[in-house]
């Protein structure tokens, strides 16, 4: 099966291991260089969606910013095992504000 129809998740082992059972491509990484390498490899493999734990996403903001201007992959922050840090909602809020011109969540 091609990776073009697969979903992936990158982050700390304890936070992402359940996704493997659901058929996701999983990459365990908690150091900046490991996280960056995993995201870039998944992008080269043409995986269209990369879920990344918020704690991992905080370590590679430049890499995530780079892919925002690319057609794929969509990189979506998700809470890790300790809960949400609000990073995912912050991104959604910024995108909605950019699209409609105001913060509709206030």
Protein backbone atom coordinates (compact mmCIF):
# COMPACT_ATOMS: atom_id res chain seq x y z
CA UNK A 1 0.00 0.00 0.00
CA UNK A 2 1.25 3.44 -0.89
CA UNK A 3 2.01 5.94 1.86
CA UNK A 4 -0.16 8.48 0.03
CA UNK A 5 -3.23 7.01 1.75
CA UNK A 6 -1.68 6.62 5.18
CA UNK A 7 -1.75 8.76 8.28
CA UNK A 8 1.23 9.15 10.54
CA UNK A 9 2.05 10.29 14.03
CA UNK A 10 5.33 11.54 15.51
CA UNK A 11 6.14 11.96 19.19
CA UNK A 12 7.10 10.34 22.43
CA UNK A 13 6.65 6.56 22.57
CA UNK A 14 4.08 6.62 25.41
CA UNK A 15 1.95 9.17 23.57
CA UNK A 16 1.90 7.63 20.08
CA UNK A 17 2.21 3.86 20.50
CA UNK A 18 -1.58 3.38 20.50
CA UNK A 19 -1.72 4.84 16.99
CA UNK A 20 0.31 1.91 15.64
CA UNK A 21 -2.54 -0.44 16.59
CA UNK A 22 -4.87 1.79 14.55
CA UNK A 23 -2.74 1.42 11.42
CA UNK A 24 -0.88 4.72 11.56
CA UNK A 25 2.74 5.02 10.53
CA UNK A 26 4.39 5.81 13.86
CA UNK A 27 7.72 7.48 14.50
CA UNK A 28 8.93 7.58 18.09
CA UNK A 29 11.02 10.68 18.71
CA UNK A 30 11.54 13.06 21.59
CA UNK A 31 14.76 14.90 20.69
CA UNK A 32 14.68 17.83 18.28
CA UNK A 33 16.90 16.22 15.64
CA UNK A 34 14.95 12.92 15.77
CA UNK A 35 11.61 14.73 15.44
CA UNK A 36 12.85 16.84 12.54
CA UNK A 37 14.28 13.80 10.76
CA UNK A 38 11.04 11.85 11.20
CA UNK A 39 8.85 14.67 9.85
CA UNK A 40 11.11 15.29 6.85
CA UNK A 41 11.27 11.56 6.02
CA UNK A 42 7.48 11.23 6.21
CA UNK A 43 7.16 14.24 3.90
CA UNK A 44 9.62 12.66 1.41
CA UNK A 45 7.57 9.46 1.60
CA UNK A 46 4.52 11.55 0.58
CA UNK A 47 2.52 10.86 3.72
CA UNK A 48 -0.27 13.45 3.44
CA UNK A 49 -1.08 13.92 7.15
CA UNK A 50 1.35 13.97 10.05
CA UNK A 51 -0.08 14.21 13.55
CA UNK A 52 2.59 15.38 15.97
CA UNK A 53 2.40 15.64 19.72
CA UNK A 54 2.35 19.22 20.97
CA UNK A 55 5.53 18.70 22.98
CA UNK A 56 7.33 17.45 19.84
CA UNK A 57 5.89 20.26 17.72
CA UNK A 58 7.20 22.87 20.17
CA UNK A 59 10.73 21.64 19.44
CA UNK A 60 10.57 22.11 15.64
CA UNK A 61 8.59 25.30 14.90
CA UNK A 62 10.78 26.20 11.89
CA UNK A 63 10.22 22.83 10.24
CA UNK A 64 6.47 23.06 10.77
CA UNK A 65 6.42 26.61 9.41
CA UNK A 66 8.28 25.43 6.29
CA UNK A 67 5.63 22.81 5.51
CA UNK A 68 2.74 25.27 5.96
CA UNK A 69 3.59 26.67 2.54
CA UNK A 70 3.79 23.22 0.93
CA UNK A 71 0.79 21.31 -0.46
CA UNK A 72 1.59 18.37 1.80
CA UNK A 73 1.97 17.15 4.43
CA UNK A 74 -0.58 18.68 6.74
CA UNK A 75 1.10 18.74 10.15
CA UNK A 76 -1.46 18.68 12.94
CA UNK A 77 -0.48 19.07 16.61
CA UNK A 78 -2.27 16.75 19.04
CA UNK A 79 -2.15 16.54 22.84
CA UNK A 80 0.37 14.14 24.31
CA UNK A 81 -0.19 11.74 27.20
CA UNK A 82 -0.04 14.60 29.73
CA UNK A 83 -2.81 16.59 28.04
CA UNK A 84 -3.16 19.61 25.80
CA UNK A 85 -0.88 22.63 25.90
CA UNK A 86 -3.22 24.58 23.62
CA UNK A 87 -0.85 24.53 20.63
CA UNK A 88 -3.36 22.86 18.32
CA UNK A 89 -6.12 25.31 19.18
CA UNK A 90 -3.73 28.23 18.80
CA UNK A 91 -2.98 27.11 15.24
CA UNK A 92 -6.66 26.68 14.39
CA UNK A 93 -7.43 30.09 15.85
CA UNK A 94 -4.66 31.73 13.77
CA UNK A 95 -5.83 30.04 10.56
CA UNK A 96 -9.48 31.01 11.13
CA UNK A 97 -8.49 34.60 11.94
CA UNK A 98 -6.40 34.73 8.77
CA UNK A 99 -9.31 33.38 6.70
CA UNK A 100 -12.13 35.53 8.10
CA UNK A 101 -10.20 38.55 9.35
CA UNK A 102 -11.18 38.32 13.01
CA UNK A 103 -10.95 35.99 15.99
CA UNK A 104 -14.38 34.34 16.09
CA UNK A 105 -13.49 32.28 19.18
CA UNK A 106 -13.53 35.23 21.60
